[in-house]
């Protein structure tokens, strides 16, 4: 994928994450167990 500007790079990153990340998932942040989920 070609991305010439910061906006194009950020848009591509969001699409890649949305297409490939399975949510919700459990993880640890600063020692606390959290659940990451998609925004509606």
N, C-alpha and C. Protein backbone atom coordinates (compact mmCIF):
# COMPACT_ATOMS: atom_id res chain seq x y z
N UNK A 1 0.84 -1.17 0.00
CA UNK A 1 0.00 0.00 0.00
C UNK A 1 0.89 1.23 0.00
N UNK A 2 0.58 2.19 -0.82
CA UNK A 2 1.30 3.45 -0.84
C UNK A 2 0.60 4.44 0.08
N UNK A 3 1.38 5.13 0.88
CA UNK A 3 0.85 6.17 1.75
C UNK A 3 1.86 7.30 1.77
N UNK A 4 1.49 8.41 1.19
CA UNK A 4 2.44 9.50 1.02
C UNK A 4 2.40 10.53 2.14
N UNK A 5 1.26 10.70 2.78
CA UNK A 5 1.15 11.70 3.83
C UNK A 5 0.90 11.02 5.18
N UNK A 6 1.05 11.79 6.25
CA UNK A 6 0.76 11.26 7.58
C UNK A 6 -0.68 10.80 7.69
N UNK A 7 -1.60 11.55 7.09
CA UNK A 7 -3.02 11.17 7.14
C UNK A 7 -3.27 9.85 6.43
N UNK A 8 -2.64 9.63 5.29
CA UNK A 8 -2.80 8.37 4.56
C UNK A 8 -2.21 7.21 5.36
N UNK A 9 -1.07 7.44 6.01
CA UNK A 9 -0.45 6.40 6.81
C UNK A 9 -1.34 6.03 8.00
N UNK A 10 -1.90 7.04 8.67
CA UNK A 10 -2.76 6.80 9.82
C UNK A 10 -4.04 6.08 9.40
N UNK A 11 -4.62 6.48 8.28
CA UNK A 11 -5.83 5.81 7.78
C UNK A 11 -5.54 4.34 7.45
N UNK A 12 -4.43 4.08 6.81
CA UNK A 12 -4.04 2.71 6.49
C UNK A 12 -3.83 1.87 7.74
N UNK A 13 -3.22 2.47 8.77
CA UNK A 13 -2.99 1.77 10.03
C UNK A 13 -4.32 1.40 10.68
N UNK A 14 -5.28 2.33 10.69
CA UNK A 14 -6.60 2.06 11.28
C UNK A 14 -7.32 0.95 10.54
N UNK A 15 -7.24 0.94 9.21
CA UNK A 15 -7.89 -0.11 8.42
C UNK A 15 -7.25 -1.46 8.72
N UNK A 16 -5.91 -1.50 8.78
CA UNK A 16 -5.20 -2.76 9.05
C UNK A 16 -5.58 -3.30 10.42
N UNK A 17 -5.62 -2.44 11.43
CA UNK A 17 -6.00 -2.88 12.77
C UNK A 17 -7.44 -3.38 12.78
N UNK A 18 -8.34 -2.63 12.17
CA UNK A 18 -9.75 -3.02 12.14
C UNK A 18 -9.98 -4.33 11.43
N UNK A 19 -9.20 -4.60 10.40
CA UNK A 19 -9.38 -5.83 9.63
C UNK A 19 -8.73 -7.05 10.28
N UNK A 20 -7.71 -6.84 11.13
CA UNK A 20 -6.91 -7.96 11.59
C UNK A 20 -6.87 -8.19 13.10
N UNK A 21 -7.40 -7.28 13.89
CA UNK A 21 -7.35 -7.44 15.34
C UNK A 21 -8.67 -8.00 15.84
N UNK A 22 -8.60 -9.13 16.52
CA UNK A 22 -9.81 -9.75 17.08
C UNK A 22 -10.13 -9.11 18.42
N UNK A 23 -11.29 -8.50 18.55
CA UNK A 23 -11.71 -7.88 19.79
C UNK A 23 -13.03 -8.47 20.24
N UNK A 24 -13.36 -8.51 21.49
CA UNK A 24 -12.57 -8.01 22.60
C UNK A 24 -11.46 -8.98 22.98
N UNK A 25 -10.44 -8.47 23.68
CA UNK A 25 -9.37 -9.30 24.19
C UNK A 25 -8.89 -8.76 25.53
N UNK A 26 -8.33 -9.66 26.32
CA UNK A 26 -7.79 -9.31 27.63
C UNK A 26 -6.30 -8.99 27.49
N UNK A 27 -5.84 -8.01 28.25
CA UNK A 27 -4.42 -7.67 28.28
C UNK A 27 -4.11 -7.02 29.61
N UNK A 28 -2.86 -6.74 29.85
CA UNK A 28 -2.44 -6.06 31.08
C UNK A 28 -1.83 -4.72 30.72
N UNK A 29 -2.30 -3.67 31.39
CA UNK A 29 -1.79 -2.31 31.20
C UNK A 29 -1.40 -1.77 32.56
N UNK A 30 -0.13 -1.43 32.71
CA UNK A 30 0.38 -0.89 33.98
C UNK A 30 0.00 -1.77 35.17
N UNK A 31 0.07 -3.09 34.95
CA UNK A 31 -0.21 -4.03 36.01
C UNK A 31 -1.66 -4.35 36.25
N UNK A 32 -2.57 -3.73 35.49
CA UNK A 32 -4.00 -3.98 35.66
C UNK A 32 -4.55 -4.78 34.50
N UNK A 33 -5.40 -5.77 34.81
CA UNK A 33 -6.06 -6.57 33.78
C UNK A 33 -7.17 -5.74 33.15
N UNK A 34 -7.17 -5.58 31.83
CA UNK A 34 -8.18 -4.80 31.13
C UNK A 34 -8.72 -5.58 29.95
N UNK A 35 -9.89 -5.18 29.48
CA UNK A 35 -10.48 -5.74 28.27
C UNK A 35 -10.51 -4.65 27.21
N UNK A 36 -9.90 -4.93 26.08
CA UNK A 36 -9.92 -4.00 24.95
C UNK A 36 -11.06 -4.39 24.03
N UNK A 37 -11.86 -3.40 23.62
CA UNK A 37 -12.99 -3.68 22.73
C UNK A 37 -13.11 -2.57 21.71
N UNK A 38 -13.85 -2.83 20.66
CA UNK A 38 -14.06 -1.84 19.59
C UNK A 38 -15.08 -0.81 20.04
N UNK A 39 -14.90 0.40 19.57
CA UNK A 39 -15.90 1.45 19.82
C UNK A 39 -17.08 1.24 18.89
N UNK A 40 -18.30 1.52 19.39
CA UNK A 40 -19.47 1.34 18.54
C UNK A 40 -19.53 2.34 17.41
